[in-house]
Structures are given as C-alpha cells and as structure tokens.
Amino acid sequence: PVLWHKDMVHRRSGTCFTAGIYLDPSFAGDGALQVVPGSH
C-alpha cells in the first residue's frame, strides 16, 4: 500500500502541487488513489 500521508507539511505561503501522469489505468476498488477532500 501507499500509506496515508501529505507530500509536504508546513504553514503555506504559496502553492505547491504534484502532477501524477498515469501510464496505466487505476481502477476503483483496486488500489486507486484515495484523498480526503479539503485536507490541504
């Protein structure tokens, strides 16, 4: 698994983002990314 985490933890003063480019499909219920909306 990829355990729950944040890629960066700080008191933000600007935007930082991750772009994930999928070379293969990721299906619901089979290891797809899960996110907590608004947690940023």
Full PDB file with SEQRES, HELIX, SHEET, SSBOND, CRYST1, ORIGX, SCALE, CONECT and MASTER records, all heavy atoms in Angstrom:
SEQRES   1 A   40  PRO VAL LEU TRP HIS LYS ASP MET VAL HIS ARG ARG SER          
SEQRES   2 A   40  GLY THR CYS PHE THR ALA GLY ILE TYR LEU ASP PRO SER          
SEQRES   3 A   40  PHE ALA GLY ASP GLY ALA LEU GLN VAL VAL PRO GLY SER          
SEQRES   4 A   40  HIS                                                          
CRYST1    1.000    1.000    1.000  90.00  90.00  90.00 P 1           1          
ORIGX1      1.000000  0.000000  0.000000        0.00000                         
ORIGX2      0.000000  1.000000  0.000000        0.00000                         
ORIGX3      0.000000  0.000000  1.000000        0.00000                         
SCALE1      1.000000  0.000000  0.000000        0.00000                         
SCALE2      0.000000  1.000000  0.000000        0.00000                         
SCALE3      0.000000  0.000000  1.000000        0.00000                         
ATOM      1  N   PRO A   1       0.837  -1.204   0.000  1.00  0.00           N  
ATOM      2  CA  PRO A   1       0.000   0.000   0.000  1.00  0.00           C  
ATOM      3  C   PRO A   1       0.868   1.249   0.000  1.00  0.00           C  
ATOM      4  O   PRO A   1       2.061   1.203   0.306  1.00  0.00           O  
ATOM      5  CB  PRO A   1      -0.767  -0.119   1.317  1.00  0.00           C  
ATOM      6  CG  PRO A   1       0.246  -0.757   2.240  1.00  0.00           C  
ATOM      7  CD  PRO A   1       1.062  -1.705   1.376  1.00  0.00           C  
ATOM      8  N   VAL A   2       0.260   2.386  -0.326  1.00  0.00           N  
ATOM      9  CA  VAL A   2       0.853   3.691  -0.051  1.00  0.00           C  
ATOM     10  C   VAL A   2       0.064   4.249   1.122  1.00  0.00           C  
ATOM     11  O   VAL A   2      -1.133   4.519   0.995  1.00  0.00           O  
ATOM     12  CB  VAL A   2       0.769   4.623  -1.277  1.00  0.00           C  
ATOM     13  CG1 VAL A   2       1.323   6.003  -0.917  1.00  0.00           C  
ATOM     14  CG2 VAL A   2       1.544   4.030  -2.454  1.00  0.00           C  
ATOM     15  N   LEU A   3       0.704   4.395   2.258  1.00  0.00           N  
ATOM     16  CA  LEU A   3       0.009   4.772   3.480  1.00  0.00           C  
ATOM     17  C   LEU A   3      -0.428   6.231   3.438  1.00  0.00           C  
ATOM     18  O   LEU A   3       0.100   7.034   2.669  1.00  0.00           O  
ATOM     19  CB  LEU A   3       0.919   4.527   4.683  1.00  0.00           C  
ATOM     20  CG  LEU A   3       1.408   3.081   4.863  1.00  0.00           C  
ATOM     21  CD1 LEU A   3       2.336   2.993   6.072  1.00  0.00           C  
ATOM     22  CD2 LEU A   3       0.250   2.114   5.006  1.00  0.00           C  
ATOM     23  N   TRP A   4      -1.390   6.573   4.277  1.00  0.00           N  
ATOM     24  CA  TRP A   4      -1.889   7.949   4.331  1.00  0.00           C  
ATOM     25  C   TRP A   4      -0.753   8.903   4.653  1.00  0.00           C  
ATOM     26  O   TRP A   4       0.052   8.670   5.561  1.00  0.00           O  
ATOM     27  CB  TRP A   4      -2.991   8.077   5.376  1.00  0.00           C  
ATOM     28  CG  TRP A   4      -4.301   7.535   4.904  1.00  0.00           C  
ATOM     29  CD1 TRP A   4      -4.860   6.337   5.219  1.00  0.00           C  
ATOM     30  CD2 TRP A   4      -5.204   8.181   3.997  1.00  0.00           C  
ATOM     31  NE1 TRP A   4      -6.056   6.183   4.561  1.00  0.00           N  
ATOM     32  CE2 TRP A   4      -6.297   7.302   3.805  1.00  0.00           C  
ATOM     33  CE3 TRP A   4      -5.198   9.407   3.329  1.00  0.00           C  
ATOM     34  CZ2 TRP A   4      -7.369   7.613   2.975  1.00  0.00           C  
ATOM     35  CZ3 TRP A   4      -6.261   9.724   2.500  1.00  0.00           C  
ATOM     36  CH2 TRP A   4      -7.332   8.833   2.338  1.00  0.00           C  
ATOM     37  N   HIS A   5      -0.684  10.009   3.898  1.00  0.00           N  
ATOM     38  CA  HIS A   5       0.386  10.980   4.096  1.00  0.00           C  
ATOM     39  C   HIS A   5       0.049  12.280   3.375  1.00  0.00           C  
ATOM     40  O   HIS A   5      -0.897  12.343   2.581  1.00  0.00           O  
ATOM     41  CB  HIS A   5       1.719  10.443   3.562  1.00  0.00           C  
ATOM     42  CG  HIS A   5       1.758  10.311   2.065  1.00  0.00           C  
ATOM     43  ND1 HIS A   5       1.094   9.303   1.377  1.00  0.00           N  
ATOM     44  CD2 HIS A   5       2.360  11.071   1.105  1.00  0.00           C  
ATOM     45  CE1 HIS A   5       1.291   9.435   0.094  1.00  0.00           C  
ATOM     46  NE2 HIS A   5       2.057  10.511  -0.117  1.00  0.00           N  
ATOM     47  N   LYS A   6       0.832  13.313   3.654  1.00  0.00           N  
ATOM     48  CA  LYS A   6       0.865  14.537   2.864  1.00  0.00           C  
ATOM     49  C   LYS A   6       2.264  14.647   2.269  1.00  0.00           C  
ATOM     50  O   LYS A   6       3.252  14.314   2.923  1.00  0.00           O  
ATOM     51  CB  LYS A   6       0.571  15.761   3.731  1.00  0.00           C  
ATOM     52  CG  LYS A   6      -0.870  15.859   4.240  1.00  0.00           C  
ATOM     53  CD  LYS A   6      -1.093  17.181   4.969  1.00  0.00           C  
ATOM     54  CE  LYS A   6      -2.561  17.376   5.340  1.00  0.00           C  
ATOM     55  NZ  LYS A   6      -2.836  18.733   5.867  1.00  0.00           N  
ATOM     56  N   ASP A   7       2.348  15.138   1.034  1.00  0.00           N  
ATOM     57  CA  ASP A   7       3.658  15.256   0.398  1.00  0.00           C  
ATOM     58  C   ASP A   7       4.488  16.374   1.018  1.00  0.00           C  
ATOM     59  O   ASP A   7       5.719  16.359   0.924  1.00  0.00           O  
ATOM     60  CB  ASP A   7       3.499  15.528  -1.103  1.00  0.00           C  
ATOM     61  CG  ASP A   7       2.874  14.342  -1.822  1.00  0.00           C  
ATOM     62  OD1 ASP A   7       3.068  13.199  -1.361  1.00  0.00           O  
ATOM     63  OD2 ASP A   7       2.203  14.558  -2.846  1.00  0.00           O  
ATOM     64  N   MET A   8       3.838  17.349   1.612  1.00  0.00           N  
ATOM     65  CA  MET A   8       4.536  18.442   2.274  1.00  0.00           C  
ATOM     66  C   MET A   8       3.680  18.914   3.435  1.00  0.00           C  
ATOM     67  O   MET A   8       2.458  18.980   3.299  1.00  0.00           O  
ATOM     68  CB  MET A   8       4.801  19.589   1.292  1.00  0.00           C  
ATOM     69  CG  MET A   8       5.596  20.738   1.889  1.00  0.00           C  
ATOM     70  SD  MET A   8       6.015  22.005   0.660  1.00  0.00           S  
ATOM     71  CE  MET A   8       7.338  21.163  -0.203  1.00  0.00           C  
ATOM     72  N   VAL A   9       4.294  19.215   4.551  1.00  0.00           N  
ATOM     73  CA  VAL A   9       3.563  19.684   5.731  1.00  0.00           C  
ATOM     74  C   VAL A   9       4.206  20.985   6.193  1.00  0.00           C  
ATOM     75  O   VAL A   9       5.372  20.996   6.588  1.00  0.00           O  
ATOM     76  CB  VAL A   9       3.596  18.634   6.860  1.00  0.00           C  
ATOM     77  CG1 VAL A   9       2.810  19.140   8.062  1.00  0.00           C  
ATOM     78  CG2 VAL A   9       3.030  17.308   6.375  1.00  0.00           C  
ATOM     79  N   HIS A  10       3.485  22.079   6.112  1.00  0.00           N  
ATOM     80  CA  HIS A  10       4.009  23.368   6.535  1.00  0.00           C  
ATOM     81  C   HIS A  10       2.862  24.364   6.593  1.00  0.00           C  
ATOM     82  O   HIS A  10       1.741  24.071   6.177  1.00  0.00           O  
ATOM     83  CB  HIS A  10       5.087  23.865   5.554  1.00  0.00           C  
ATOM     84  CG  HIS A  10       4.569  24.119   4.169  1.00  0.00           C  
ATOM     85  ND1 HIS A  10       4.172  25.366   3.734  1.00  0.00           N  
ATOM     86  CD2 HIS A  10       4.364  23.275   3.124  1.00  0.00           C  
ATOM     87  CE1 HIS A  10       3.767  25.284   2.474  1.00  0.00           C  
ATOM     88  NE2 HIS A  10       3.868  24.028   2.092  1.00  0.00           N  
ATOM     89  N   ARG A  11       3.144  25.543   7.093  1.00  0.00           N  
ATOM     90  CA  ARG A  11       2.167  26.639   7.051  1.00  0.00           C  
ATOM     91  C   ARG A  11       2.351  27.335   5.716  1.00  0.00           C  
ATOM     92  O   ARG A  11       3.335  28.037   5.511  1.00  0.00           O  
ATOM     93  CB  ARG A  11       2.397  27.593   8.222  1.00  0.00           C  
ATOM     94  CG  ARG A  11       2.140  26.933   9.571  1.00  0.00           C  
ATOM     95  CD  ARG A  11       2.166  27.956  10.698  1.00  0.00           C  
ATOM     96  NE  ARG A  11       1.892  27.307  11.988  1.00  0.00           N  
ATOM     97  CZ  ARG A  11       1.684  27.970  13.101  1.00  0.00           C  
ATOM     98  NH1 ARG A  11       1.723  29.302  13.106  1.00  0.00           N  
ATOM     99  NH2 ARG A  11       1.443  27.331  14.230  1.00  0.00           N  
ATOM    100  N   ARG A  12       1.423  27.117   4.829  1.00  0.00           N  
ATOM    101  CA  ARG A  12       1.633  27.516   3.437  1.00  0.00           C  
ATOM    102  C   ARG A  12       1.784  29.019   3.270  1.00  0.00           C  
ATOM    103  O   ARG A  12       1.123  29.818   3.920  1.00  0.00           O  
ATOM    104  CB  ARG A  12       0.482  27.011   2.566  1.00  0.00           C  
ATOM    105  CG  ARG A  12      -0.827  27.703   2.773  1.00  0.00           C  
ATOM    106  CD  ARG A  12      -1.839  27.339   1.683  1.00  0.00           C  
ATOM    107  NE  ARG A  12      -2.132  25.916   1.666  1.00  0.00           N  
ATOM    108  CZ  ARG A  12      -1.846  25.124   0.632  1.00  0.00           C  
ATOM    109  NH1 ARG A  12      -1.270  25.600  -0.430  1.00  0.00           N  
ATOM    110  NH2 ARG A  12      -2.165  23.861   0.670  1.00  0.00           N  
ATOM    111  N   SER A  13       2.704  29.395   2.385  1.00  0.00           N  
ATOM    112  CA  SER A  13       2.818  30.775   1.936  1.00  0.00           C  
ATOM    113  C   SER A  13       2.708  30.840   0.425  1.00  0.00           C  
ATOM    114  O   SER A  13       2.900  31.893  -0.171  1.00  0.00           O  
ATOM    115  CB  SER A  13       4.155  31.381   2.394  1.00  0.00           C  
ATOM    116  OG  SER A  13       5.243  30.696   1.800  1.00  0.00           O  
ATOM    117  N   GLY A  14       2.411  29.708  -0.199  1.00  0.00           N  
ATOM    118  CA  GLY A  14       2.277  29.650  -1.648  1.00  0.00           C  
ATOM    119  C   GLY A  14       1.770  28.289  -2.063  1.00  0.00           C  
ATOM    120  O   GLY A  14       1.549  27.406  -1.238  1.00  0.00           O  
ATOM    121  N   THR A  15       1.596  28.112  -3.358  1.00  0.00           N  
ATOM    122  CA  THR A  15       1.049  26.874  -3.898  1.00  0.00           C  
ATOM    123  C   THR A  15       2.157  25.876  -4.200  1.00  0.00           C  
ATOM    124  O   THR A  15       3.187  26.225  -4.769  1.00  0.00           O  
ATOM    125  CB  THR A  15       0.258  27.150  -5.186  1.00  0.00           C  
ATOM    126  OG1 THR A  15      -0.805  28.054  -4.879  1.00  0.00           O  
ATOM    127  CG2 THR A  15      -0.323  25.872  -5.766  1.00  0.00           C  
ATOM    128  N   CYS A  16       1.952  24.649  -3.802  1.00  0.00           N  
ATOM    129  CA  CYS A  16       2.845  23.546  -4.160  1.00  0.00           C  
ATOM    130  C   CYS A  16       1.959  22.400  -4.647  1.00  0.00           C  
ATOM    131  O   CYS A  16       0.934  22.114  -4.048  1.00  0.00           O  
ATOM    132  CB  CYS A  16       3.685  23.117  -2.964  1.00  0.00           C  
ATOM    133  SG  CYS A  16       2.740  22.839  -1.449  1.00  0.00           S  
ATOM    134  N   PHE A  17       2.328  21.775  -5.762  1.00  0.00           N  
ATOM    135  CA  PHE A  17       1.431  20.749  -6.289  1.00  0.00           C  
ATOM    136  C   PHE A  17       2.206  19.583  -6.883  1.00  0.00           C  
ATOM    137  O   PHE A  17       3.383  19.693  -7.227  1.00  0.00           O  
ATOM    138  CB  PHE A  17       0.481  21.342  -7.332  1.00  0.00           C  
ATOM    139  CG  PHE A  17       1.082  21.543  -8.698  1.00  0.00           C  
ATOM    140  CD1 PHE A  17       0.972  20.561  -9.686  1.00  0.00           C  
ATOM    141  CD2 PHE A  17       1.747  22.712  -9.014  1.00  0.00           C  
ATOM    142  CE1 PHE A  17       1.515  20.746 -10.938  1.00  0.00           C  
ATOM    143  CE2 PHE A  17       2.297  22.913 -10.265  1.00  0.00           C  
ATOM    144  CZ  PHE A  17       2.184  21.925 -11.234  1.00  0.00           C  
ATOM    145  N   THR A  18       1.505  18.470  -6.972  1.00  0.00           N  
ATOM    146  CA  THR A  18       2.019  17.246  -7.578  1.00  0.00           C  
ATOM    147  C   THR A  18       1.210  16.944  -8.828  1.00  0.00           C  
ATOM    148  O   THR A  18      -0.020  16.997  -8.805  1.00  0.00           O  
ATOM    149  CB  THR A  18       1.902  16.061  -6.600  1.00  0.00           C  
ATOM    150  OG1 THR A  18       2.657  16.345  -5.423  1.00  0.00           O  
ATOM    151  CG2 THR A  18       2.413  14.771  -7.226  1.00  0.00           C  
ATOM    152  N   ALA A  19       1.902  16.617  -9.915  1.00  0.00           N  
ATOM    153  CA  ALA A  19       1.257  16.147 -11.136  1.00  0.00           C  
ATOM    154  C   ALA A  19       1.583  14.668 -11.292  1.00  0.00           C  
ATOM    155  O   ALA A  19       2.755  14.292 -11.404  1.00  0.00           O  
ATOM    156  CB  ALA A  19       1.752  16.934 -12.347  1.00  0.00           C  
ATOM    157  N   GLY A  20       0.560  13.820 -11.264  1.00  0.00           N  
ATOM    158  CA  GLY A  20       0.745  12.385 -11.448  1.00  0.00           C  
ATOM    159  C   GLY A  20       0.320  11.983 -12.847  1.00  0.00           C  
ATOM    160  O   GLY A  20      -0.846  12.137 -13.213  1.00  0.00           O  
ATOM    161  N   ILE A  21       1.249  11.488 -13.644  1.00  0.00           N  
ATOM    162  CA  ILE A  21       0.984  11.092 -15.028  1.00  0.00           C  
ATOM    163  C   ILE A  21       0.852   9.572 -15.062  1.00  0.00           C  
ATOM    164  O   ILE A  21       1.827   8.847 -14.825  1.00  0.00           O  
ATOM    165  CB  ILE A  21       2.100  11.581 -15.960  1.00  0.00           C  
ATOM    166  CG1 ILE A  21       2.228  13.104 -15.857  1.00  0.00           C  
ATOM    167  CG2 ILE A  21       1.834  11.155 -17.405  1.00  0.00           C  
ATOM    168  CD1 ILE A  21       3.418  13.677 -16.604  1.00  0.00           C  
ATOM    169  N   TYR A  22      -0.346   9.098 -15.343  1.00  0.00           N  
ATOM    170  CA  TYR A  22      -0.636   7.664 -15.281  1.00  0.00           C  
ATOM    171  C   TYR A  22      -0.272   6.993 -16.599  1.00  0.00           C  
ATOM    172  O   TYR A  22      -0.833   7.307 -17.651  1.00  0.00           O  
ATOM    173  CB  TYR A  22      -2.122   7.442 -14.966  1.00  0.00           C  
ATOM    174  CG  TYR A  22      -2.452   7.612 -13.508  1.00  0.00           C  
ATOM    175  CD1 TYR A  22      -2.378   8.866 -12.903  1.00  0.00           C  
ATOM    176  CD2 TYR A  22      -2.801   6.524 -12.711  1.00  0.00           C  
ATOM    177  CE1 TYR A  22      -2.646   9.036 -11.556  1.00  0.00           C  
ATOM    178  CE2 TYR A  22      -3.079   6.681 -11.364  1.00  0.00           C  
ATOM    179  CZ  TYR A  22      -3.002   7.932 -10.788  1.00  0.00           C  
ATOM    180  OH  TYR A  22      -3.265   8.089  -9.445  1.00  0.00           O  
ATOM    181  N   LEU A  23       0.650   6.045 -16.541  1.00  0.00           N  
ATOM    182  CA  LEU A  23       0.992   5.261 -17.725  1.00  0.00           C  
ATOM    183  C   LEU A  23       0.054   4.071 -17.888  1.00  0.00           C  
ATOM    184  O   LEU A  23      -0.057   3.527 -18.986  1.00  0.00           O  
ATOM    185  CB  LEU A  23       2.440   4.765 -17.631  1.00  0.00           C  
ATOM    186  CG  LEU A  23       3.516   5.830 -17.415  1.00  0.00           C  
ATOM    187  CD1 LEU A  23       4.896   5.197 -17.502  1.00  0.00           C  
ATOM    188  CD2 LEU A  23       3.380   6.967 -18.412  1.00  0.00           C  
ATOM    189  N   ASP A  24      -0.600   3.690 -16.806  1.00  0.00           N  
ATOM    190  CA  ASP A  24      -1.522   2.552 -16.810  1.00  0.00           C  
ATOM    191  C   ASP A  24      -2.799   2.961 -16.083  1.00  0.00           C  
ATOM    192  O   ASP A  24      -2.782   3.880 -15.264  1.00  0.00           O  
ATOM    193  CB  ASP A  24      -0.899   1.351 -16.085  1.00  0.00           C  
ATOM    194  CG  ASP A  24       0.467   0.988 -16.624  1.00  0.00           C  
ATOM    195  OD1 ASP A  24       0.546   0.497 -17.760  1.00  0.00           O  
ATOM    196  OD2 ASP A  24       1.460   1.233 -15.907  1.00  0.00           O  
ATOM    197  N   PRO A  25      -3.910   2.274 -16.353  1.00  0.00           N  
ATOM    198  CA  PRO A  25      -5.152   2.604 -15.651  1.00  0.00           C  
ATOM    199  C   PRO A  25      -5.102   2.214 -14.178  1.00  0.00           C  
ATOM    200  O   PRO A  25      -4.347   1.324 -13.783  1.00  0.00           O  
ATOM    201  CB  PRO A  25      -6.216   1.805 -16.406  1.00  0.00           C  
ATOM    202  CG  PRO A  25      -5.475   0.673 -17.032  1.00  0.00           C  
ATOM    203  CD  PRO A  25      -4.107   1.210 -17.355  1.00  0.00           C  
ATOM    204  N   SER A  26      -5.906   2.900 -13.387  1.00  0.00           N  
ATOM    205  CA  SER A  26      -6.051   2.612 -11.966  1.00  0.00           C  
ATOM    206  C   SER A  26      -7.542   2.530 -11.685  1.00  0.00           C  
ATOM    207  O   SER A  26      -8.263   3.511 -11.858  1.00  0.00           O  
ATOM    208  CB  SER A  26      -5.392   3.720 -11.146  1.00  0.00           C  
ATOM    209  OG  SER A  26      -5.527   3.476  -9.774  1.00  0.00           O  
ATOM    210  N   PHE A  27      -8.014   1.354 -11.265  1.00  0.00           N  
ATOM    211  CA  PHE A  27      -9.446   1.101 -11.194  1.00  0.00           C  
ATOM    212  C   PHE A  27      -9.999   1.269  -9.780  1.00  0.00           C  
ATOM    213  O   PHE A  27      -9.309   0.991  -8.786  1.00  0.00           O  
ATOM    214  CB  PHE A  27      -9.749  -0.301 -11.704  1.00  0.00           C  
ATOM    215  CG  PHE A  27      -9.355  -0.512 -13.141  1.00  0.00           C  
ATOM    216  CD1 PHE A  27      -8.254  -1.301 -13.464  1.00  0.00           C  
ATOM    217  CD2 PHE A  27     -10.064   0.088 -14.162  1.00  0.00           C  
ATOM    218  CE1 PHE A  27      -7.888  -1.492 -14.781  1.00  0.00           C  
ATOM    219  CE2 PHE A  27      -9.709  -0.101 -15.495  1.00  0.00           C  
ATOM    220  CZ  PHE A  27      -8.616  -0.883 -15.799  1.00  0.00           C  
ATOM    221  N   ALA A  28     -11.239   1.697  -9.703  1.00  0.00           N  
ATOM    222  CA  ALA A  28     -11.921   1.832  -8.414  1.00  0.00           C  
ATOM    223  C   ALA A  28     -11.950   0.477  -7.709  1.00  0.00           C  
ATOM    224  O   ALA A  28     -12.180  -0.564  -8.322  1.00  0.00           O  
ATOM    225  CB  ALA A  28     -13.343   2.350  -8.634  1.00  0.00           C  
ATOM    226  N   GLY A  29     -11.684   0.489  -6.422  1.00  0.00           N  
ATOM    227  CA  GLY A  29     -11.709  -0.737  -5.644  1.00  0.00           C  
ATOM    228  C   GLY A  29     -10.482  -1.609  -5.805  1.00  0.00           C  
ATOM    229  O   GLY A  29     -10.432  -2.714  -5.260  1.00  0.00           O  
ATOM    230  N   ASP A  30      -9.481  -1.131  -6.556  1.00  0.00           N  
ATOM    231  CA  ASP A  30      -8.291  -1.948  -6.775  1.00  0.00           C  
ATOM    232  C   ASP A  30      -7.029  -1.079  -6.741  1.00  0.00           C  
ATOM    233  O   ASP A  30      -6.281  -1.006  -7.715  1.00  0.00           O  
ATOM    234  CB  ASP A  30      -8.387  -2.698  -8.098  1.00  0.00           C  
ATOM    235  CG  ASP A  30      -7.323  -3.786  -8.232  1.00  0.00           C  
ATOM    236  OD1 ASP A  30      -6.947  -4.376  -7.195  1.00  0.00           O  
ATOM    237  OD2 ASP A  30      -6.864  -4.044  -9.362  1.00  0.00           O  
ATOM    238  N   GLY A  31      -6.818  -0.406  -5.620  1.00  0.00           N  
ATOM    239  CA  GLY A  31      -5.585   0.337  -5.432  1.00  0.00           C  
ATOM    240  C   GLY A  31      -5.572   1.741  -5.986  1.00  0.00           C  
ATOM    241  O   GLY A  31      -4.510   2.359  -6.081  1.00  0.00           O  
ATOM    242  N   ALA A  32      -6.737   2.283  -6.359  1.00  0.00           N  
ATOM    243  CA  ALA A  32      -6.782   3.656  -6.873  1.00  0.00           C  
ATOM    244  C   ALA A  32      -6.492   4.655  -5.751  1.00  0.00           C  
ATOM    245  O   ALA A  32      -6.677   4.367  -4.567  1.00  0.00           O  
ATOM    246  CB  ALA A  32      -8.146   3.949  -7.497  1.00  0.00           C  
ATOM    247  N   LEU A  33      -6.064   5.845  -6.155  1.00  0.00           N  
ATOM    248  CA  LEU A  33      -5.746   6.883  -5.180  1.00  0.00           C  
ATOM    249  C   LEU A  33      -6.990   7.275  -4.390  1.00  0.00           C  
ATOM    250  O   LEU A  33      -8.078   7.418  -4.941  1.00  0.00           O  
ATOM    251  CB  LEU A  33      -5.187   8.114  -5.893  1.00  0.00           C  
ATOM    252  CG  LEU A  33      -4.623   9.206  -4.983  1.00  0.00           C  
ATOM    253  CD1 LEU A  33      -3.315   8.748  -4.349  1.00  0.00           C  
ATOM    254  CD2 LEU A  33      -4.423  10.506  -5.746  1.00  0.00           C  
ATOM    255  N   GLN A  34      -6.810   7.481  -3.082  1.00  0.00           N  
ATOM    256  CA  GLN A  34      -7.859   7.958  -2.196  1.00  0.00           C  
ATOM    257  C   GLN A  34      -7.409   9.285  -1.595  1.00  0.00           C  
ATOM    258  O   GLN A  34      -6.236   9.437  -1.219  1.00  0.00           O  
ATOM    259  CB  GLN A  34      -8.117   6.942  -1.078  1.00  0.00           C  
ATOM    260  CG  GLN A  34      -8.555   5.578  -1.583  1.00  0.00           C  
ATOM    261  CD  GLN A  34      -8.641   4.546  -0.477  1.00  0.00           C  
ATOM    262  OE1 GLN A  34      -8.182   4.768   0.635  1.00  0.00           O  
ATOM    263  NE2 GLN A  34      -9.233   3.399  -0.777  1.00  0.00           N  
ATOM    264  N   VAL A  35      -8.321  10.256  -1.526  1.00  0.00           N  
ATOM    265  CA  VAL A  35      -7.974  11.568  -0.976  1.00  0.00           C  
ATOM    266  C   VAL A  35      -9.051  12.018   0.004  1.00  0.00           C  
ATOM    267  O   VAL A  35     -10.210  11.636  -0.111  1.00  0.00           O  
ATOM    268  CB  VAL A  35      -7.809  12.626  -2.090  1.00  0.00           C  
ATOM    269  CG1 VAL A  35      -6.776  12.186  -3.112  1.00  0.00           C  
ATOM    270  CG2 VAL A  35      -9.131  12.933  -2.779  1.00  0.00           C  
ATOM    271  N   VAL A  36      -8.635  12.848   0.971  1.00  0.00           N  
ATOM    272  CA  VAL A  36      -9.573  13.473   1.900  1.00  0.00           C  
ATOM    273  C   VAL A  36      -9.830  14.885   1.398  1.00  0.00           C  
ATOM    274  O   VAL A  36      -8.946  15.744   1.486  1.00  0.00           O  
ATOM    275  CB  VAL A  36      -9.008  13.507   3.332  1.00  0.00           C  
ATOM    276  CG1 VAL A  36      -9.978  14.236   4.268  1.00  0.00           C  
ATOM    277  CG2 VAL A  36      -8.745  12.090   3.840  1.00  0.00           C  
ATOM    278  N   PRO A  37     -11.012  15.156   0.832  1.00  0.00           N  
ATOM    279  CA  PRO A  37     -11.275  16.481   0.267  1.00  0.00           C  
ATOM    280  C   PRO A  37     -11.091  17.597   1.291  1.00  0.00           C  
ATOM    281  O   PRO A  37     -11.517  17.473   2.443  1.00  0.00           O  
ATOM    282  CB  PRO A  37     -12.738  16.384  -0.191  1.00  0.00           C  
ATOM    283  CG  PRO A  37     -12.975  14.921  -0.399  1.00  0.00           C  
ATOM    284  CD  PRO A  37     -12.156  14.237   0.651  1.00  0.00           C  
ATOM    285  N   GLY A  38     -10.436  18.667   0.870  1.00  0.00           N  
ATOM    286  CA  GLY A  38     -10.252  19.819   1.741  1.00  0.00           C  
ATOM    287  C   GLY A  38      -9.134  19.697   2.746  1.00  0.00           C  
ATOM    288  O   GLY A  38      -8.855  20.650   3.488  1.00  0.00           O  
ATOM    289  N   SER A  39      -8.461  18.550   2.803  1.00  0.00           N  
ATOM    290  CA  SER A  39      -7.454  18.335   3.845  1.00  0.00           C  
ATOM    291  C   SER A  39      -6.203  19.179   3.636  1.00  0.00           C  
ATOM    292  O   SER A  39      -5.385  19.311   4.550  1.00  0.00           O  
ATOM    293  CB  SER A  39      -7.076  16.854   3.920  1.00  0.00           C  
ATOM    294  OG  SER A  39      -6.661  16.368   2.652  1.00  0.00           O  
ATOM    295  N   HIS A  40      -6.030  19.756   2.438  1.00  0.00           N  
ATOM    296  CA  HIS A  40      -4.867  20.628   2.221  1.00  0.00           C  
ATOM    297  C   HIS A  40      -4.984  21.937   2.991  1.00  0.00           C  
ATOM    298  O   HIS A  40      -4.008  22.684   3.104  1.00  0.00           O  
ATOM    299  CB  HIS A  40      -4.663  20.902   0.726  1.00  0.00           C  
ATOM    300  CG  HIS A  40      -5.852  21.463   0.013  1.00  0.00           C  
ATOM    301  ND1 HIS A  40      -7.086  20.860   0.033  1.00  0.00           N  
ATOM    302  CD2 HIS A  40      -5.993  22.572  -0.746  1.00  0.00           C  
ATOM    303  CE1 HIS A  40      -7.928  21.571  -0.689  1.00  0.00           C  
ATOM    304  NE2 HIS A  40      -7.288  22.622  -1.167  1.00  0.00           N  
TER     305      HIS A  40                                                      
MASTER        0    0    0    0    0    0    0    6  304    1    0    4          
END                                                                             
